[in-house]
Amino acid sequence: MLDYYIADVFTHERFSGAQIAVFPHAEELNTKQMEVIAKEMNLSETVFISNIDNEQSRRRMRIFTPLSEIDFAGHPVIATAYVLAECKDIELSGAETELTLVQNSGDIDVTLSAENGQVSFVQFKRTVSPVIDRFTPSENELAEILSLDASDIDNTKYTARLVSCGFPYLIVSAKSYEAVRKAKFNYTAWAHSAAPQTAASEILLISPNTPYKDSDFNARLLGPNIGVHEDPPVGSAIPAFAAYLCSFRFTQQGTHSFAVDRGDDKKRRSVLNIEMDHKAQDELALRIGGQAVMVAEGKMHIPN
């Protein structure tokens, strides 16, 4: 039997944020067994952790969706660090504890902040080399793809751009929070637009207007492979979004802090806290953090 935990990530409230399953002792599992378990859990991501030569501050992590293994995702980093601390697999050392999680994409440096011996915040570092292209569908095409009016699309301050930090996103800014929430992906409009020529398969729709005091932007992912009523986690798109913000001349060089929320009070709202070092260089350094809460723990039979 294997112990597992389910944490809600980028939230301080249970039954909100993103649900991530973590198996902290998965050393004896093979890839096929991990695939079977992830499909059985049927969450956005399931994480399998193994020790590295008994090093206290390093762990190997593999991430699976119900369909396949993925090389990187942000939400599982937060969940894994939080769960390892909560189940006492790592020892908290004062106000801050350093941890390295080894993903398929490379090492991820993580800092766990603690108050009164309990994890209060988890932050990880990423350095990316973004590629940005201004070739995007027209304003009218974007509106049709998103089932919005052309007047809902921002074509003045945050214009649409294609941004890739390993995975391309078509980033589009809406003028209002309401437009982000009501948008619906139109498959026919997508197929007949210039969008398929961009190589992006997902749209990150954002708005700098949000009714929540703890965030600066509201974000939502839409695309041909995302269900019409889905509101999936946006963590993997955050590096591209940070690079998008840095691509505008009015973004001053220096360190910027901001928060992005996903969903709403009825749809598992998440809040991601980001710091970025804008230095007009090819590489962009980021720190992405948030809170997590434990929701469930249990045991699972090991598949054959």
C-alpha atoms as a PDB file:
ATOM      1  CA  MET A   1       0.000   0.000   0.000  1.00  0.00           C
ATOM      2  CA  LEU A   2       1.211   3.498  -0.857  1.00  0.00           C
ATOM      3  CA  ASP A   3       0.530   6.636   1.173  1.00  0.00           C
ATOM      4  CA  TYR A   4      -0.771   9.602  -0.783  1.00  0.00           C
ATOM      5  CA  TYR A   5      -1.916  13.132  -0.020  1.00  0.00           C
ATOM      6  CA  ILE A   6      -4.100  15.628  -1.864  1.00  0.00           C
ATOM      7  CA  ALA A   7      -3.323  19.322  -1.466  1.00  0.00           C
ATOM      8  CA  ASP A   8      -5.159  22.355  -2.767  1.00  0.00           C
ATOM      9  CA  VAL A   9      -2.566  24.731  -4.201  1.00  0.00           C
ATOM     10  CA  PHE A  10      -2.324  28.507  -4.598  1.00  0.00           C
ATOM     11  CA  THR A  11      -5.034  28.980  -2.008  1.00  0.00           C
ATOM     12  CA  HIS A  12      -5.435  29.210   1.765  1.00  0.00           C
ATOM     13  CA  GLU A  13      -8.911  27.650   1.684  1.00  0.00           C
ATOM     14  CA  ARG A  14      -9.773  23.978   1.327  1.00  0.00           C
ATOM     15  CA  PHE A  15     -11.776  22.983  -1.743  1.00  0.00           C
ATOM     16  CA  SER A  16     -10.384  25.915  -3.697  1.00  0.00           C
ATOM     17  CA  GLY A  17      -7.322  26.340  -5.922  1.00  0.00           C
ATOM     18  CA  ALA A  18      -5.842  23.429  -7.876  1.00  0.00           C
ATOM     19  CA  GLN A  19      -6.022  19.821  -6.656  1.00  0.00           C
ATOM     20  CA  ILE A  20      -2.698  17.958  -6.723  1.00  0.00           C
ATOM     21  CA  ALA A  21      -2.043  14.398  -5.533  1.00  0.00           C
ATOM     22  CA  VAL A  22       1.379  13.616  -4.069  1.00  0.00           C
ATOM     23  CA  PHE A  23       2.879  10.166  -3.436  1.00  0.00           C
ATOM     24  CA  PRO A  24       5.919  10.948  -1.235  1.00  0.00           C
ATOM     25  CA  HIS A  25       7.438   7.439  -1.303  1.00  0.00           C
ATOM     26  CA  ALA A  26       7.268   6.220  -4.897  1.00  0.00           C
ATOM     27  CA  GLU A  27      10.751   4.724  -5.236  1.00  0.00           C
ATOM     28  CA  GLU A  28       9.489   1.254  -6.150  1.00  0.00           C
ATOM     29  CA  LEU A  29       6.987   2.336  -8.798  1.00  0.00           C
ATOM     30  CA  ASN A  30       7.756   1.998 -12.492  1.00  0.00           C
ATOM     31  CA  THR A  31       6.498   4.335 -15.210  1.00  0.00           C
ATOM     32  CA  LYS A  32       3.551   2.111 -16.149  1.00  0.00           C
ATOM     33  CA  GLN A  33       2.353   1.973 -12.549  1.00  0.00           C
ATOM     34  CA  MET A  34       2.608   5.753 -12.255  1.00  0.00           C
ATOM     35  CA  GLU A  35       0.505   6.141 -15.391  1.00  0.00           C
ATOM     36  CA  VAL A  36      -2.179   3.809 -14.007  1.00  0.00           C
ATOM     37  CA  ILE A  37      -2.294   5.622 -10.660  1.00  0.00           C
ATOM     38  CA  ALA A  38      -2.469   9.082 -12.260  1.00  0.00           C
ATOM     39  CA  LYS A  39      -5.350   7.942 -14.429  1.00  0.00           C
ATOM     40  CA  GLU A  40      -7.104   6.519 -11.362  1.00  0.00           C
ATOM     41  CA  MET A  41      -6.629   9.764  -9.389  1.00  0.00           C
ATOM     42  CA  ASN A  42      -7.942  11.733 -12.397  1.00  0.00           C
ATOM     43  CA  LEU A  43      -6.647  15.081 -11.111  1.00  0.00           C
ATOM     44  CA  SER A  44      -4.890  17.727 -13.179  1.00  0.00           C
ATOM     45  CA  GLU A  45      -1.526  16.381 -11.944  1.00  0.00           C
ATOM     46  CA  THR A  46      -0.298  13.547  -9.765  1.00  0.00           C
ATOM     47  CA  VAL A  47       3.254  13.681  -8.395  1.00  0.00           C
ATOM     48  CA  PHE A  48       5.544  10.773  -7.531  1.00  0.00           C
ATOM     49  CA  ILE A  49       8.489  11.500  -5.226  1.00  0.00           C
ATOM     50  CA  SER A  50      11.637   9.479  -4.609  1.00  0.00           C
ATOM     51  CA  ASN A  51      14.734  10.077  -2.497  1.00  0.00           C
ATOM     52  CA  ILE A  52      18.107  10.875  -4.059  1.00  0.00           C
ATOM     53  CA  ASP A  53      20.885   9.033  -2.192  1.00  0.00           C
ATOM     54  CA  ASN A  54      19.232   9.924   1.129  1.00  0.00           C
ATOM     55  CA  GLU A  55      19.853  13.641   0.579  1.00  0.00           C
ATOM     56  CA  GLN A  56      17.576  15.540   2.937  1.00  0.00           C
ATOM     57  CA  SER A  57      17.281  18.626   0.745  1.00  0.00           C
ATOM     58  CA  ARG A  58      16.813  16.980  -2.683  1.00  0.00           C
ATOM     59  CA  ARG A  59      13.993  14.900  -4.117  1.00  0.00           C
ATOM     60  CA  ARG A  60      13.250  13.460  -7.549  1.00  0.00           C
ATOM     61  CA  MET A  61       9.736  14.231  -8.753  1.00  0.00           C
ATOM     62  CA  ARG A  62       7.811  12.931 -11.749  1.00  0.00           C
ATOM     63  CA  ILE A  63       4.558  14.558 -12.820  1.00  0.00           C
ATOM     64  CA  PHE A  64       1.711  12.822 -14.607  1.00  0.00           C
ATOM     65  CA  THR A  65      -1.622  14.010 -15.928  1.00  0.00           C
ATOM     66  CA  PRO A  66      -4.326  11.370 -16.490  1.00  0.00           C
ATOM     67  CA  LEU A  67      -3.024  11.159 -20.070  1.00  0.00           C
ATOM     68  CA  SER A  68       0.772  11.374 -19.944  1.00  0.00           C
ATOM     69  CA  GLU A  69       3.934  12.399 -18.111  1.00  0.00           C
ATOM     70  CA  ILE A  70       4.929  16.069 -18.322  1.00  0.00           C
ATOM     71  CA  ASP A  71       8.354  17.625 -17.843  1.00  0.00           C
ATOM     72  CA  PHE A  72       7.389  20.700 -15.812  1.00  0.00           C
ATOM     73  CA  ALA A  73       4.441  22.188 -13.964  1.00  0.00           C
ATOM     74  CA  GLY A  74       4.337  24.844 -11.261  1.00  0.00           C
ATOM     75  CA  HIS A  75       1.416  23.710  -9.122  1.00  0.00           C
ATOM     76  CA  PRO A  76       3.019  20.316  -8.338  1.00  0.00           C
ATOM     77  CA  VAL A  77       6.142  22.090  -7.045  1.00  0.00           C
ATOM     78  CA  ILE A  78       4.100  23.973  -4.449  1.00  0.00           C
ATOM     79  CA  ALA A  79       2.095  20.859  -3.550  1.00  0.00           C
ATOM     80  CA  THR A  80       5.152  18.616  -3.247  1.00  0.00           C
ATOM     81  CA  ALA A  81       7.131  20.955  -1.002  1.00  0.00           C
ATOM     82  CA  TYR A  82       4.097  21.558   1.189  1.00  0.00           C
ATOM     83  CA  VAL A  83       3.214  17.861   1.520  1.00  0.00           C
ATOM     84  CA  LEU A  84       6.806  16.802   2.274  1.00  0.00           C
ATOM     85  CA  ALA A  85       6.901  19.314   5.120  1.00  0.00           C
ATOM     86  CA  GLU A  86       3.446  18.457   6.439  1.00  0.00           C
ATOM     87  CA  CYS A  87       4.123  14.711   6.557  1.00  0.00           C
ATOM     88  CA  LYS A  88       7.558  15.374   8.153  1.00  0.00           C
ATOM     89  CA  ASP A  89       9.549  13.951   5.236  1.00  0.00           C
ATOM     90  CA  ILE A  90      11.664  17.089   5.328  1.00  0.00           C
ATOM     91  CA  GLU A  91      12.564  19.022   8.448  1.00  0.00           C
ATOM     92  CA  LEU A  92      11.805  22.723   8.568  1.00  0.00           C
ATOM     93  CA  SER A  93      14.840  24.736   9.637  1.00  0.00           C
ATOM     94  CA  GLY A  94      13.631  27.994  11.105  1.00  0.00           C
ATOM     95  CA  ALA A  95      11.855  30.689   9.133  1.00  0.00           C
ATOM     96  CA  GLU A  96      13.070  29.440   5.728  1.00  0.00           C
ATOM     97  CA  THR A  97      13.984  25.986   4.449  1.00  0.00           C
ATOM     98  CA  GLU A  98      15.642  25.301   1.096  1.00  0.00           C
ATOM     99  CA  LEU A  99      14.692  22.306  -1.043  1.00  0.00           C
ATOM    100  CA  THR A 100      15.640  21.174  -4.557  1.00  0.00           C
ATOM    101  CA  LEU A 101      13.106  19.245  -6.625  1.00  0.00           C
ATOM    102  CA  VAL A 102      14.495  17.457  -9.674  1.00  0.00           C
ATOM    103  CA  GLN A 103      11.974  17.412 -12.524  1.00  0.00           C
ATOM    104  CA  ASN A 104      12.481  16.107 -16.046  1.00  0.00           C
ATOM    105  CA  SER A 105      13.089  19.727 -17.069  1.00  0.00           C
ATOM    106  CA  GLY A 106      15.869  20.165 -14.505  1.00  0.00           C
ATOM    107  CA  ASP A 107      16.425  21.261 -10.910  1.00  0.00           C
ATOM    108  CA  ILE A 108      13.867  23.547  -9.270  1.00  0.00           C
ATOM    109  CA  ASP A 109      15.042  25.518  -6.215  1.00  0.00           C
ATOM    110  CA  VAL A 110      12.291  25.914  -3.632  1.00  0.00           C
ATOM    111  CA  THR A 111      12.020  27.992  -0.457  1.00  0.00           C
ATOM    112  CA  LEU A 112       9.521  27.061   2.246  1.00  0.00           C
ATOM    113  CA  SER A 113       8.598  29.854   4.654  1.00  0.00           C
ATOM    114  CA  ALA A 114       7.301  28.782   8.053  1.00  0.00           C
ATOM    115  CA  GLU A 115       5.491  30.381  10.966  1.00  0.00           C
ATOM    116  CA  ASN A 116       5.225  28.590  14.315  1.00  0.00           C
ATOM    117  CA  GLY A 117       6.595  25.422  12.741  1.00  0.00           C
ATOM    118  CA  GLN A 118       3.991  25.318   9.961  1.00  0.00           C
ATOM    119  CA  VAL A 119       4.491  26.048   6.253  1.00  0.00           C
ATOM    120  CA  SER A 120       2.976  29.440   5.440  1.00  0.00           C
ATOM    121  CA  PHE A 121       4.267  30.034   1.898  1.00  0.00           C
ATOM    122  CA  VAL A 122       6.163  28.133  -0.811  1.00  0.00           C
ATOM    123  CA  GLN A 123       8.166  29.836  -3.565  1.00  0.00           C
ATOM    124  CA  PHE A 124      10.228  28.392  -6.408  1.00  0.00           C
ATOM    125  CA  LYS A 125      12.697  29.907  -8.860  1.00  0.00           C
ATOM    126  CA  ARG A 126      12.730  29.654 -12.627  1.00  0.00           C
ATOM    127  CA  THR A 127      14.923  31.208 -15.292  1.00  0.00           C
ATOM    128  CA  VAL A 128      13.509  31.192 -18.808  1.00  0.00           C
ATOM    129  CA  SER A 129      14.591  32.332 -22.266  1.00  0.00           C
ATOM    130  CA  PRO A 130      11.399  33.642 -23.855  1.00  0.00           C
ATOM    131  CA  VAL A 131      10.695  33.957 -27.559  1.00  0.00           C
ATOM    132  CA  ILE A 132       8.142  36.634 -28.452  1.00  0.00           C
ATOM    133  CA  ASP A 133       6.326  37.158 -31.752  1.00  0.00           C
ATOM    134  CA  ARG A 134       3.884  39.949 -32.573  1.00  0.00           C
ATOM    135  CA  PHE A 135       2.211  37.975 -35.360  1.00  0.00           C
ATOM    136  CA  THR A 136      -1.233  37.174 -33.984  1.00  0.00           C
ATOM    137  CA  PRO A 137      -4.780  36.921 -35.322  1.00  0.00           C
ATOM    138  CA  SER A 138      -6.576  40.220 -35.827  1.00  0.00           C
ATOM    139  CA  GLU A 139      -8.651  41.841 -33.109  1.00  0.00           C
ATOM    140  CA  ASN A 140     -11.873  40.707 -34.804  1.00  0.00           C
ATOM    141  CA  GLU A 141     -10.560  37.153 -35.189  1.00  0.00           C
ATOM    142  CA  LEU A 142      -9.576  37.027 -31.524  1.00  0.00           C
ATOM    143  CA  ALA A 143     -13.003  38.283 -30.489  1.00  0.00           C
ATOM    144  CA  GLU A 144     -14.716  35.596 -32.574  1.00  0.00           C
ATOM    145  CA  ILE A 145     -12.439  32.863 -31.215  1.00  0.00           C
ATOM    146  CA  LEU A 146     -13.287  33.921 -27.662  1.00  0.00           C
ATOM    147  CA  SER A 147     -17.003  34.555 -28.349  1.00  0.00           C
ATOM    148  CA  LEU A 148     -16.546  38.182 -27.294  1.00  0.00           C
ATOM    149  CA  ASP A 149     -17.191  41.559 -28.876  1.00  0.00           C
ATOM    150  CA  ALA A 150     -14.228  43.262 -30.535  1.00  0.00           C
ATOM    151  CA  SER A 151     -14.681  46.076 -28.015  1.00  0.00           C
ATOM    152  CA  ASP A 152     -13.819  43.588 -25.225  1.00  0.00           C
ATOM    153  CA  ILE A 153     -10.282  43.111 -26.585  1.00  0.00           C
ATOM    154  CA  ASP A 154      -7.517  45.478 -25.439  1.00  0.00           C
ATOM    155  CA  ASN A 155      -5.707  46.784 -28.524  1.00  0.00           C
ATOM    156  CA  THR A 156      -4.052  49.773 -26.856  1.00  0.00           C
ATOM    157  CA  LYS A 157      -2.008  48.934 -23.734  1.00  0.00           C
ATOM    158  CA  TYR A 158      -1.563  45.148 -23.590  1.00  0.00           C
ATOM    159  CA  THR A 159      -1.798  44.065 -27.209  1.00  0.00           C
ATOM    160  CA  ALA A 160      -1.893  40.384 -28.176  1.00  0.00           C
ATOM    161  CA  ARG A 161       1.427  38.566 -28.563  1.00  0.00           C
ATOM    162  CA  LEU A 162       2.720  35.045 -29.024  1.00  0.00           C
ATOM    163  CA  VAL A 163       5.100  34.067 -26.218  1.00  0.00           C
ATOM    164  CA  SER A 164       6.995  30.831 -25.713  1.00  0.00           C
ATOM    165  CA  CYS A 165       9.181  29.715 -22.824  1.00  0.00           C
ATOM    166  CA  GLY A 166       9.287  26.195 -24.216  1.00  0.00           C
ATOM    167  CA  PHE A 167       5.539  26.011 -24.866  1.00  0.00           C
ATOM    168  CA  PRO A 168       3.823  28.699 -26.980  1.00  0.00           C
ATOM    169  CA  TYR A 169       0.885  30.706 -25.656  1.00  0.00           C
ATOM    170  CA  LEU A 170      -1.200  33.245 -27.521  1.00  0.00           C
ATOM    171  CA  ILE A 171      -1.618  35.916 -24.847  1.00  0.00           C
ATOM    172  CA  VAL A 172      -4.632  38.182 -25.223  1.00  0.00           C
ATOM    173  CA  SER A 173      -5.712  41.000 -22.925  1.00  0.00           C
ATOM    174  CA  ALA A 174      -9.370  41.751 -22.256  1.00  0.00           C
ATOM    175  CA  LYS A 175     -10.536  45.116 -20.997  1.00  0.00           C
ATOM    176  CA  SER A 176     -12.568  43.686 -18.136  1.00  0.00           C
ATOM    177  CA  TYR A 177     -12.697  40.844 -15.643  1.00  0.00           C
ATOM    178  CA  GLU A 178     -16.234  40.108 -16.835  1.00  0.00           C
ATOM    179  CA  ALA A 179     -14.986  39.520 -20.388  1.00  0.00           C
ATOM    180  CA  VAL A 180     -12.447  36.961 -19.165  1.00  0.00           C
ATOM    181  CA  ARG A 181     -15.082  35.107 -17.185  1.00  0.00           C
ATOM    182  CA  LYS A 182     -17.708  35.005 -19.960  1.00  0.00           C
ATOM    183  CA  ALA A 183     -15.340  34.060 -22.815  1.00  0.00           C
ATOM    184  CA  LYS A 184     -16.030  30.753 -24.574  1.00  0.00           C
ATOM    185  CA  PHE A 185     -13.728  29.080 -27.051  1.00  0.00           C
ATOM    186  CA  ASN A 186     -15.119  28.878 -30.603  1.00  0.00           C
ATOM    187  CA  TYR A 187     -13.531  25.949 -32.463  1.00  0.00           C
ATOM    188  CA  THR A 188     -14.840  27.009 -35.871  1.00  0.00           C
ATOM    189  CA  ALA A 189     -13.561  30.572 -35.535  1.00  0.00           C
ATOM    190  CA  TRP A 190     -10.173  29.233 -34.407  1.00  0.00           C
ATOM    191  CA  ALA A 191      -9.865  26.934 -37.420  1.00  0.00           C
ATOM    192  CA  HIS A 192     -10.724  29.734 -39.871  1.00  0.00           C
ATOM    193  CA  SER A 193      -8.397  32.309 -38.291  1.00  0.00           C
ATOM    194  CA  ALA A 194      -4.642  32.884 -38.413  1.00  0.00           C
ATOM    195  CA  ALA A 195      -4.308  31.245 -34.971  1.00  0.00           C
ATOM    196  CA  PRO A 196      -3.326  27.741 -36.165  1.00  0.00           C
ATOM    197  CA  GLN A 197      -0.403  29.321 -38.039  1.00  0.00           C
ATOM    198  CA  THR A 198       1.082  30.593 -34.757  1.00  0.00           C
ATOM    199  CA  ALA A 199       1.826  27.073 -33.418  1.00  0.00           C
ATOM    200  CA  ALA A 200       0.075  28.002 -30.162  1.00  0.00           C
ATOM    201  CA  SER A 201      -2.595  25.587 -28.993  1.00  0.00           C
ATOM    202  CA  GLU A 202      -3.676  27.584 -25.946  1.00  0.00           C
ATOM    203  CA  ILE A 203      -4.806  31.148 -25.347  1.00  0.00           C
ATOM    204  CA  LEU A 204      -3.947  32.863 -22.085  1.00  0.00           C
ATOM    205  CA  LEU A 205      -6.700  35.444 -21.666  1.00  0.00           C
ATOM    206  CA  ILE A 206      -5.875  38.057 -19.040  1.00  0.00           C
ATOM    207  CA  SER A 207      -7.323  41.250 -17.646  1.00  0.00           C
ATOM    208  CA  PRO A 208      -5.588  43.872 -15.469  1.00  0.00           C
ATOM    209  CA  ASN A 209      -8.976  44.553 -13.907  1.00  0.00           C
ATOM    210  CA  THR A 210     -10.050  42.196 -11.126  1.00  0.00           C
ATOM    211  CA  PRO A 211     -12.489  42.717  -8.241  1.00  0.00           C
ATOM    212  CA  TYR A 212     -10.149  41.025  -5.757  1.00  0.00           C
ATOM    213  CA  LYS A 213      -7.786  43.083  -3.612  1.00  0.00           C
ATOM    214  CA  ASP A 214      -5.159  40.326  -3.419  1.00  0.00           C
ATOM    215  CA  SER A 215      -4.476  40.151  -7.178  1.00  0.00           C
ATOM    216  CA  ASP A 216      -3.458  42.408 -10.056  1.00  0.00           C
ATOM    217  CA  PHE A 217      -4.528  40.268 -13.029  1.00  0.00           C
ATOM    218  CA  ASN A 218      -7.190  37.674 -13.704  1.00  0.00           C
ATOM    219  CA  ALA A 219      -6.132  34.882 -16.067  1.00  0.00           C
ATOM    220  CA  ARG A 220      -7.806  32.021 -17.869  1.00  0.00           C
ATOM    221  CA  LEU A 221      -6.636  29.369 -20.339  1.00  0.00           C
ATOM    222  CA  LEU A 222      -8.739  28.465 -23.373  1.00  0.00           C
ATOM    223  CA  GLY A 223      -7.987  26.369 -26.434  1.00  0.00           C
ATOM    224  CA  PRO A 224      -9.005  23.555 -28.769  1.00  0.00           C
ATOM    225  CA  ASN A 225      -7.904  20.912 -26.255  1.00  0.00           C
ATOM    226  CA  ILE A 226      -9.559  22.562 -23.241  1.00  0.00           C
ATOM    227  CA  GLY A 227     -13.214  21.896 -22.463  1.00  0.00           C
ATOM    228  CA  VAL A 228     -15.624  24.801 -22.965  1.00  0.00           C
ATOM    229  CA  HIS A 229     -16.526  24.870 -19.272  1.00  0.00           C
ATOM    230  CA  GLU A 230     -13.030  24.123 -17.947  1.00  0.00           C
ATOM    231  CA  ASP A 231     -10.897  26.668 -16.108  1.00  0.00           C
ATOM    232  CA  PRO A 232      -7.553  24.831 -15.831  1.00  0.00           C
ATOM    233  CA  PRO A 233      -4.551  25.876 -13.705  1.00  0.00           C
ATOM    234  CA  VAL A 234      -2.456  28.653 -15.249  1.00  0.00           C
ATOM    235  CA  GLY A 235       0.822  28.043 -13.413  1.00  0.00           C
ATOM    236  CA  SER A 236       2.701  26.696 -16.430  1.00  0.00           C
ATOM    237  CA  ALA A 237       1.765  29.825 -18.407  1.00  0.00           C
ATOM    238  CA  ILE A 238       3.087  32.270 -15.803  1.00  0.00           C
ATOM    239  CA  PRO A 239       6.680  32.450 -17.176  1.00  0.00           C
ATOM    240  CA  ALA A 240       5.266  33.316 -20.610  1.00  0.00           C
ATOM    241  CA  PHE A 241       2.969  35.915 -19.042  1.00  0.00           C
ATOM    242  CA  ALA A 242       5.858  37.522 -17.153  1.00  0.00           C
ATOM    243  CA  ALA A 243       7.870  37.674 -20.385  1.00  0.00           C
ATOM    244  CA  TYR A 244       4.818  39.186 -22.079  1.00  0.00           C
ATOM    245  CA  LEU A 245       4.702  41.999 -19.515  1.00  0.00           C
ATOM    246  CA  CYS A 246       8.433  42.640 -19.950  1.00  0.00           C
ATOM    247  CA  SER A 247       8.014  42.924 -23.727  1.00  0.00           C
ATOM    248  CA  PHE A 248       6.242  46.275 -23.407  1.00  0.00           C
ATOM    249  CA  ARG A 249       8.391  49.393 -23.340  1.00  0.00           C
ATOM    250  CA  PHE A 250       6.424  50.944 -20.478  1.00  0.00           C
ATOM    251  CA  THR A 251       7.495  48.093 -18.152  1.00  0.00           C
ATOM    252  CA  GLN A 252      10.475  49.601 -16.357  1.00  0.00           C
ATOM    253  CA  GLN A 253      13.592  47.589 -15.686  1.00  0.00           C
ATOM    254  CA  GLY A 254      13.960  46.247 -12.170  1.00  0.00           C
ATOM    255  CA  THR A 255      12.207  43.774  -9.901  1.00  0.00           C
ATOM    256  CA  HIS A 256       8.429  43.681 -10.118  1.00  0.00           C
ATOM    257  CA  SER A 257       5.975  41.898  -7.831  1.00  0.00           C
ATOM    258  CA  PHE A 258       2.406  41.114  -8.819  1.00  0.00           C
ATOM    259  CA  ALA A 259      -0.333  38.553  -8.275  1.00  0.00           C
ATOM    260  CA  VAL A 260      -2.435  36.627 -10.782  1.00  0.00           C
ATOM    261  CA  ASP A 261      -5.717  34.975  -9.893  1.00  0.00           C
ATOM    262  CA  ARG A 262      -7.517  32.207 -11.753  1.00  0.00           C
ATOM    263  CA  GLY A 263     -11.148  31.246 -11.480  1.00  0.00           C
ATOM    264  CA  ASP A 264     -13.605  32.894  -9.134  1.00  0.00           C
ATOM    265  CA  ASP A 265     -15.322  32.195  -5.834  1.00  0.00           C
ATOM    266  CA  LYS A 266     -17.485  29.572  -7.540  1.00  0.00           C
ATOM    267  CA  LYS A 267     -14.690  27.922  -9.548  1.00  0.00           C
ATOM    268  CA  ARG A 268     -11.817  27.074  -7.216  1.00  0.00           C
ATOM    269  CA  ARG A 269     -10.079  30.454  -7.242  1.00  0.00           C
ATOM    270  CA  SER A 270      -6.260  30.418  -7.116  1.00  0.00           C
ATOM    271  CA  VAL A 271      -3.811  33.239  -6.373  1.00  0.00           C
ATOM    272  CA  LEU A 272      -0.235  33.073  -7.695  1.00  0.00           C
ATOM    273  CA  ASN A 273       2.371  35.531  -6.397  1.00  0.00           C
ATOM    274  CA  ILE A 274       5.133  36.397  -8.852  1.00  0.00           C
ATOM    275  CA  GLU A 275       8.397  38.314  -8.685  1.00  0.00           C
ATOM    276  CA  MET A 276      10.304  38.971 -11.905  1.00  0.00           C
ATOM    277  CA  ASP A 277      13.674  40.600 -12.546  1.00  0.00           C
ATOM    278  CA  HIS A 278      13.307  42.655 -15.727  1.00  0.00           C
ATOM    279  CA  LYS A 279      16.832  43.403 -16.950  1.00  0.00           C
ATOM    280  CA  ALA A 280      16.315  43.594 -20.726  1.00  0.00           C
ATOM    281  CA  GLN A 281      18.335  40.399 -21.148  1.00  0.00           C
ATOM    282  CA  ASP A 282      17.693  37.202 -23.072  1.00  0.00           C
ATOM    283  CA  GLU A 283      16.942  35.379 -19.823  1.00  0.00           C
ATOM    284  CA  LEU A 284      14.217  36.270 -17.347  1.00  0.00           C
ATOM    285  CA  ALA A 285      14.486  35.283 -13.677  1.00  0.00           C
ATOM    286  CA  LEU A 286      11.227  34.522 -11.870  1.00  0.00           C
ATOM    287  CA  ARG A 287      10.073  33.559  -8.418  1.00  0.00           C
ATOM    288  CA  ILE A 288       6.594  32.051  -8.225  1.00  0.00           C
ATOM    289  CA  GLY A 289       4.904  31.347  -4.927  1.00  0.00           C
ATOM    290  CA  GLY A 290       1.702  30.653  -3.098  1.00  0.00           C
ATOM    291  CA  GLN A 291      -0.022  28.894  -0.260  1.00  0.00           C
ATOM    292  CA  ALA A 292      -1.376  25.353   0.005  1.00  0.00           C
ATOM    293  CA  VAL A 293      -3.676  23.397   2.297  1.00  0.00           C
ATOM    294  CA  MET A 294      -4.032  19.673   2.948  1.00  0.00           C
ATOM    295  CA  VAL A 295      -7.373  18.220   1.887  1.00  0.00           C
ATOM    296  CA  ALA A 296      -7.037  14.442   2.041  1.00  0.00           C
ATOM    297  CA  GLU A 297      -4.701  11.568   2.753  1.00  0.00           C
ATOM    298  CA  GLY A 298      -5.047   7.887   2.139  1.00  0.00           C
ATOM    299  CA  LYS A 299      -3.539   4.638   0.924  1.00  0.00           C
ATOM    300  CA  MET A 300      -3.606   3.058  -2.511  1.00  0.00           C
ATOM    301  CA  HIS A 301      -2.993  -0.502  -3.643  1.00  0.00           C
ATOM    302  CA  ILE A 302       0.053  -0.781  -5.912  1.00  0.00           C
ATOM    303  CA  PRO A 303      -0.958  -1.711  -9.482  1.00  0.00           C
ATOM    304  CA  ASN A 304       0.513  -4.855 -11.014  1.00  0.00           C
END
